[in-house]
Structures are given as C-alpha cells and as structure tokens.
Amino acid sequence: AVVSTQSTGMETGTAEYKVALELELWKGIHVREMEKILEKRENELVEKISNSYRQHFAALNAEIEGSKKTCDKLVTDYTSRLSSIEKKKKKKKKKRGVETQG
C-alpha cells in the first residue's frame, strides 16, 4: 500500500509515516483475510441451502410419485368396475331378448 505524503500530511521516513504505512499494510492484509473467511462462509451456506433444497425436492418428488401410483390404481380400479358393469348390462339385455322372443 502506497501512502502519499500529500494524503497523510507526513514526511516520508518519519516514525509516524512508517507507522501509518504499516497500519495501511496491516489493514490490507486483514481485509483480504476477512474476505477469504466471508467467502468460505458464504460457500458453506450456499452448500447447506442447496442440500436442504435437494432433500426437500427429493421428498416432494417421492410424494408426487406416490400420488401418481395411487391415482393410477384408482383409474385402473374404476375402469375395471365400469367394464364389469358394462358386461352385466349386456348379459341382462341378452336374457331379456331371449325371454321376450320365447
């Protein structure tokens, strides 16, 4: 970090100037370290949130698949019952037709 004599109002080479330089350098190092720590924490949080969403959506997908299977079974049962009723109606019509002819 370069500190100009104009911005500090100090002369180069003085103890005050050296301290100011060291302080600016330390601040720069400290800021970079803090940025690294914050970036690491941010990445950890993103990973946690991503995992949470993955688990949540996996559970929802499992629930949806279960519902689909239930619906498919209901449709199959309903279709089977309708088919059975249709067959019974046809048998009754045939019997009635034979009775009326005889």
Protein backbone atom coordinates (compact mmCIF):
# COMPACT_ATOMS: atom_id res chain seq x y z
CA ALA A 1 0.00 0.00 0.00
CA VAL A 2 1.45 3.30 -1.05
CA VAL A 3 0.59 6.28 1.11
CA SER A 4 1.46 9.61 -0.43
CA THR A 5 2.89 12.41 1.67
CA GLN A 6 0.13 14.69 0.43
CA SER A 7 -2.71 12.46 1.67
CA THR A 8 -1.17 11.90 5.12
CA GLY A 9 0.40 15.30 5.62
CA MET A 10 3.51 13.48 6.91
CA GLU A 11 7.03 13.46 5.67
CA THR A 12 8.40 10.18 4.32
CA GLY A 13 10.88 8.45 6.59
CA THR A 14 9.42 9.71 9.86
CA ALA A 15 8.32 7.23 12.52
CA GLU A 16 4.75 8.49 12.19
CA TYR A 17 4.82 7.85 8.45
CA LYS A 18 6.24 4.34 8.93
CA VAL A 19 3.51 3.52 11.44
CA ALA A 20 0.88 4.82 9.03
CA LEU A 21 2.36 2.64 6.26
CA GLU A 22 2.41 -0.41 8.48
CA LEU A 23 -1.15 0.27 9.58
CA GLU A 24 -2.34 0.55 5.95
CA LEU A 25 -0.47 -2.64 5.07
CA TRP A 26 -1.93 -4.46 8.07
CA LYS A 27 -5.44 -3.22 7.16
CA GLY A 28 -4.99 -4.51 3.61
CA ILE A 29 -3.86 -7.94 4.81
CA HIS A 30 -6.62 -8.07 7.41
CA VAL A 31 -9.29 -7.10 4.85
CA ARG A 32 -8.11 -9.84 2.44
CA GLU A 33 -8.16 -12.41 5.25
CA MET A 34 -11.67 -11.34 6.25
CA GLU A 35 -12.79 -11.54 2.60
CA LYS A 36 -11.46 -15.10 2.40
CA ILE A 37 -13.26 -16.06 5.62
CA LEU A 38 -16.50 -14.47 4.43
CA GLU A 39 -16.22 -16.17 1.03
CA LYS A 40 -15.66 -19.53 2.73
CA ARG A 41 -18.69 -18.99 4.99
CA GLU A 42 -20.78 -17.88 2.02
CA ASN A 43 -19.83 -21.05 0.11
CA GLU A 44 -20.69 -23.19 3.14
CA LEU A 45 -24.10 -21.52 3.45
CA VAL A 46 -24.80 -21.94 -0.25
CA GLU A 47 -23.91 -25.63 0.04
CA LYS A 48 -26.14 -26.05 3.11
CA ILE A 49 -29.06 -24.34 1.40
CA SER A 50 -28.51 -26.36 -1.78
CA ASN A 51 -28.50 -29.61 0.19
CA SER A 52 -31.61 -28.56 2.05
CA TYR A 53 -33.43 -27.79 -1.20
CA ARG A 54 -32.25 -31.08 -2.74
CA GLN A 55 -33.65 -33.02 0.23
CA HIS A 56 -36.87 -31.03 0.17
CA PHE A 57 -37.41 -31.59 -3.56
CA ALA A 58 -36.49 -35.27 -3.27
CA ALA A 59 -39.18 -35.65 -0.60
CA LEU A 60 -41.70 -33.77 -2.76
CA ASN A 61 -40.86 -35.94 -5.78
CA ALA A 62 -41.33 -39.09 -3.70
CA GLU A 63 -44.70 -37.78 -2.53
CA ILE A 64 -45.70 -36.95 -6.11
CA GLU A 65 -44.69 -40.42 -7.31
CA GLY A 66 -46.75 -41.96 -4.52
CA SER A 67 -49.74 -39.84 -5.51
CA LYS A 68 -49.31 -40.84 -9.17
CA LYS A 69 -49.31 -44.52 -8.23
CA THR A 70 -52.44 -44.01 -6.13
CA CYS A 71 -54.17 -42.20 -8.98
CA ASP A 72 -53.15 -44.88 -11.47
CA LYS A 73 -54.55 -47.56 -9.17
CA LEU A 74 -57.82 -45.64 -8.76
CA VAL A 75 -58.17 -45.24 -12.52
CA THR A 76 -57.45 -48.93 -13.06
CA ASP A 77 -59.99 -49.94 -10.40
CA TYR A 78 -62.61 -47.55 -11.80
CA THR A 79 -62.04 -48.77 -15.36
CA SER A 80 -62.32 -52.38 -14.20
CA ARG A 81 -65.59 -51.67 -12.37
CA LEU A 82 -67.02 -49.86 -15.40
CA SER A 83 -66.07 -52.78 -17.63
CA SER A 84 -67.71 -55.21 -15.20
CA ILE A 85 -70.92 -53.12 -15.12
CA GLU A 86 -70.98 -52.94 -18.93
CA LYS A 87 -70.66 -56.74 -19.17
CA LYS A 88 -73.51 -57.24 -16.68
CA LYS A 89 -75.74 -54.86 -18.65
CA LYS A 90 -75.05 -56.75 -21.88
CA LYS A 91 -75.89 -60.09 -20.23
CA LYS A 92 -79.19 -58.70 -18.89
CA LYS A 93 -80.10 -57.35 -22.35
CA LYS A 94 -79.40 -60.76 -23.90
CA LYS A 95 -81.56 -62.54 -21.29
CA ARG A 96 -84.42 -60.07 -21.79
CA GLY A 97 -84.18 -60.52 -25.53
CA VAL A 98 -84.49 -64.33 -25.16
CA GLU A 99 -87.43 -64.01 -22.70
CA THR A 100 -89.42 -61.67 -24.96
CA GLN A 101 -88.92 -63.91 -28.01
CA GLY A 102 -90.00 -67.07 -26.26
